[in-house]
């Protein structure tokens, strides 16, 4: 008889901070800069998510131990030491310095991207869920199209077709934000992915 694949449920909030609690138990310090669905929750915009996506600052030994622990517990995750290199288009320069601490335990902490940097991160990939998240954050923090366009000048664009695609997504996003400033994202933006 074939083994049944379990249905994935959205992560309870406490589980999303497992890396931080794990560090506390080990007595080590590290930092997490969370992105994607977990960030949405920390911005006050709860959205179901199935995984933990974060930039992690720690020793290589702790990283290996953390990855092993998360795998043993069955978590889905994407952890790396430089989220800026997760895509062809870099994040706006200085994103790490603008990130904001939202939770601390001992010497370890969780940060989120500045909302403008978060929007840039979402426009890099630009699928419907990303655009919905970006719009929700823009509305939550009362960010205008001008605020966003001005912030995007901090990106050092590579000579790449991805630059063309990013700028096209940005133009469409900004036009939509200006044309429909009060339109809230669709309800399916809370669906897990």
Protein backbone atom coordinates (compact mmCIF):
# COMPACT_ATOMS: atom_id res chain seq x y z
CA UNK A 1 0.00 0.00 0.00
CA UNK A 2 1.39 3.43 -1.00
CA UNK A 3 2.16 5.86 1.78
CA UNK A 4 -0.30 8.72 1.92
CA UNK A 5 1.18 12.20 1.41
CA UNK A 6 0.05 14.37 4.33
CA UNK A 7 -1.97 17.49 3.62
CA UNK A 8 0.08 20.56 4.41
CA UNK A 9 -1.51 22.96 6.86
CA UNK A 10 -0.41 26.56 7.27
CA UNK A 11 2.23 26.95 9.93
CA UNK A 12 1.03 28.09 13.35
CA UNK A 13 2.76 31.36 14.28
CA UNK A 14 4.90 29.76 16.98
CA UNK A 15 6.29 27.22 14.49
CA UNK A 16 7.39 29.97 12.14
CA UNK A 17 9.82 31.17 14.78
CA UNK A 18 11.34 27.72 15.40
CA UNK A 19 14.80 28.82 14.24
CA UNK A 20 14.82 31.57 16.88
CA UNK A 21 13.65 29.27 19.67
CA UNK A 22 16.14 26.63 18.52
CA UNK A 23 18.95 29.17 18.82
CA UNK A 24 17.76 30.13 22.28
CA UNK A 25 17.86 26.50 23.39
CA UNK A 26 21.39 26.12 22.03
CA UNK A 27 22.54 29.34 23.69
CA UNK A 28 23.73 30.80 20.40
CA UNK A 29 22.94 34.10 18.78
CA UNK A 30 21.73 34.51 15.25
CA UNK A 31 19.50 36.73 13.25
CA UNK A 32 16.64 36.03 10.89
CA UNK A 33 15.40 38.46 8.28
CA UNK A 34 12.08 36.88 7.33
CA UNK A 35 10.43 37.47 3.99
CA UNK A 36 7.31 36.36 2.15
CA UNK A 37 4.27 35.03 4.06
CA UNK A 38 5.77 35.25 7.54
CA UNK A 39 6.61 38.92 6.89
CA UNK A 40 3.02 39.61 5.93
CA UNK A 41 1.90 38.37 9.33
CA UNK A 42 4.49 40.51 11.09
CA UNK A 43 3.30 43.56 9.12
CA UNK A 44 -0.17 42.93 10.53
CA UNK A 45 -1.46 41.35 7.33
CA UNK A 46 -1.93 37.67 8.18
CA UNK A 47 -1.57 35.37 5.21
CA UNK A 48 -1.44 31.61 5.32
CA UNK A 49 1.93 30.18 4.44
CA UNK A 50 3.42 26.72 4.41
CA UNK A 51 7.08 27.59 4.82
CA UNK A 52 9.72 29.77 6.39
CA UNK A 53 11.73 31.98 4.03
CA UNK A 54 14.52 33.95 5.66
CA UNK A 55 18.03 35.32 5.47
CA UNK A 56 19.96 33.90 8.40
CA UNK A 57 23.06 35.29 10.08
CA UNK A 58 24.90 32.58 11.99
CA UNK A 59 27.95 30.35 12.01
CA UNK A 60 28.21 27.57 9.40
CA UNK A 61 28.03 24.95 12.18
CA UNK A 62 24.83 26.42 13.61
CA UNK A 63 23.34 26.69 10.10
CA UNK A 64 23.94 22.98 9.45
CA UNK A 65 22.47 22.05 12.83
CA UNK A 66 19.43 24.29 12.24
CA UNK A 67 18.79 22.85 8.77
CA UNK A 68 19.04 19.31 10.16
CA UNK A 69 16.61 20.22 12.97
CA UNK A 70 14.06 21.80 10.59
CA UNK A 71 14.20 18.81 8.26
CA UNK A 72 13.74 16.38 11.17
CA UNK A 73 10.68 18.34 12.28
CA UNK A 74 9.27 18.33 8.75
CA UNK A 75 9.35 22.08 8.11
CA UNK A 76 9.47 23.52 4.62
CA UNK A 77 12.03 26.32 4.49
CA UNK A 78 14.36 28.37 2.37
CA UNK A 79 17.18 29.79 4.49
CA UNK A 80 20.31 31.41 3.16
CA UNK A 81 22.84 34.01 4.17
CA UNK A 82 22.06 36.48 1.38
CA UNK A 83 18.50 36.90 0.08
CA UNK A 84 19.78 39.56 -2.26
CA UNK A 85 21.17 36.78 -4.47
CA UNK A 86 17.94 34.75 -4.59
CA UNK A 87 17.08 36.55 -7.82
CA UNK A 88 18.77 38.24 -10.76
CA UNK A 89 17.46 41.67 -9.70
CA UNK A 90 19.12 42.77 -6.45
CA UNK A 91 17.20 44.31 -3.58
CA UNK A 92 17.58 48.06 -3.08
CA UNK A 93 20.98 48.92 -1.62
CA UNK A 94 20.98 49.09 2.17
CA UNK A 95 18.00 46.78 2.68
CA UNK A 96 19.65 45.10 5.68
CA UNK A 97 20.25 48.38 7.47
CA UNK A 98 16.62 49.44 6.93
CA UNK A 99 15.19 46.15 8.21
CA UNK A 100 13.30 46.37 11.50
CA UNK A 101 13.56 44.10 14.54
CA UNK A 102 10.17 42.68 15.48
CA UNK A 103 11.08 39.92 17.96
CA UNK A 104 14.08 39.27 20.21
CA UNK A 105 14.93 36.31 22.40
CA UNK A 106 18.22 36.57 24.22
CA UNK A 107 20.89 37.54 21.73
CA UNK A 108 18.84 36.38 18.73
CA UNK A 109 16.33 38.39 16.77
CA UNK A 110 13.82 38.37 13.94
CA UNK A 111 13.68 41.26 11.50
CA UNK A 112 11.43 42.17 8.58
CA UNK A 113 12.29 44.14 5.49
CA UNK A 114 11.33 47.80 5.35
CA UNK A 115 7.96 47.81 3.53
CA UNK A 116 9.48 49.48 0.43
CA UNK A 117 12.19 46.81 0.25
CA UNK A 118 9.54 44.12 0.72
CA UNK A 119 7.64 45.49 -2.28
CA UNK A 120 10.85 45.37 -4.34
CA UNK A 121 11.38 41.75 -3.27
CA UNK A 122 7.86 40.86 -4.41
CA UNK A 123 8.23 42.58 -7.78
CA UNK A 124 11.40 40.59 -8.47
CA UNK A 125 9.39 37.40 -9.02
CA UNK A 126 6.05 39.03 -9.73
CA UNK A 127 3.56 36.16 -9.64
CA UNK A 128 -0.05 37.03 -8.73
CA UNK A 129 0.47 36.24 -5.02
CA UNK A 130 3.56 38.48 -4.94
CA UNK A 131 1.71 41.38 -6.56
CA UNK A 132 -1.18 40.94 -4.15
CA UNK A 133 1.23 40.94 -1.19
CA UNK A 134 3.01 44.03 -2.51
CA UNK A 135 -0.30 45.86 -2.93
CA UNK A 136 -1.47 44.89 0.57
CA UNK A 137 1.78 46.21 2.08
CA UNK A 138 1.59 49.44 0.06
CA UNK A 139 -1.95 50.03 1.32
CA UNK A 140 -1.15 49.00 4.92
CA UNK A 141 1.71 51.51 5.12
CA UNK A 142 0.04 54.20 2.95
CA UNK A 143 2.83 54.07 0.36
CA UNK A 144 2.18 56.01 -2.82
CA UNK A 145 3.31 55.09 -6.30
CA UNK A 146 5.78 57.99 -6.03
CA UNK A 147 7.21 56.61 -2.74
CA UNK A 148 7.73 53.22 -4.36
CA UNK A 149 9.16 54.56 -7.64
CA UNK A 150 11.60 56.76 -5.74
CA UNK A 151 12.78 53.83 -3.60
CA UNK A 152 13.40 51.64 -6.65
CA UNK A 153 16.18 54.01 -7.72
CA UNK A 154 18.27 52.33 -4.99
CA UNK A 155 18.43 49.15 -7.07
CA UNK A 156 21.60 48.54 -9.08
CA UNK A 157 20.04 46.94 -12.11
CA UNK A 158 22.12 44.38 -14.01
CA UNK A 159 22.29 44.35 -17.78
CA UNK A 160 19.77 41.56 -18.15
CA UNK A 161 16.41 40.78 -19.65
CA UNK A 162 15.22 40.36 -16.05
CA UNK A 163 15.78 44.11 -15.59
CA UNK A 164 13.42 44.79 -18.47
CA UNK A 165 10.80 42.42 -16.99
CA UNK A 166 11.16 43.92 -13.49
CA UNK A 167 10.73 47.46 -14.80
CA UNK A 168 7.68 46.39 -16.78
CA UNK A 169 6.12 44.77 -13.67
CA UNK A 170 6.99 47.89 -11.67
CA UNK A 171 5.31 50.19 -14.22
CA UNK A 172 2.14 48.07 -14.30
CA UNK A 173 2.10 47.84 -10.48
CA UNK A 174 2.55 51.60 -10.01
CA UNK A 175 -0.09 52.43 -12.64
CA UNK A 176 -2.53 50.06 -10.95
CA UNK A 177 -1.79 51.56 -7.53
CA UNK A 178 -2.40 55.08 -8.88
CA UNK A 179 -5.51 54.11 -10.84
CA UNK A 180 -7.08 52.00 -8.07
CA UNK A 181 -5.58 53.35 -4.82
CA UNK A 182 -8.29 51.94 -2.56
CA UNK A 183 -8.75 48.54 -4.18
CA UNK A 184 -7.86 45.85 -1.66
CA UNK A 185 -6.09 42.66 -2.73
CA UNK A 186 -8.34 39.67 -3.54
CA UNK A 187 -9.28 37.32 -0.70
CA UNK A 188 -7.34 34.46 -2.28
CA UNK A 189 -4.16 36.35 -1.33
CA UNK A 190 -4.55 34.65 2.05
CA UNK A 191 -4.38 31.18 0.52
CA UNK A 192 -1.29 29.17 1.44
CA UNK A 193 1.42 28.73 -1.14
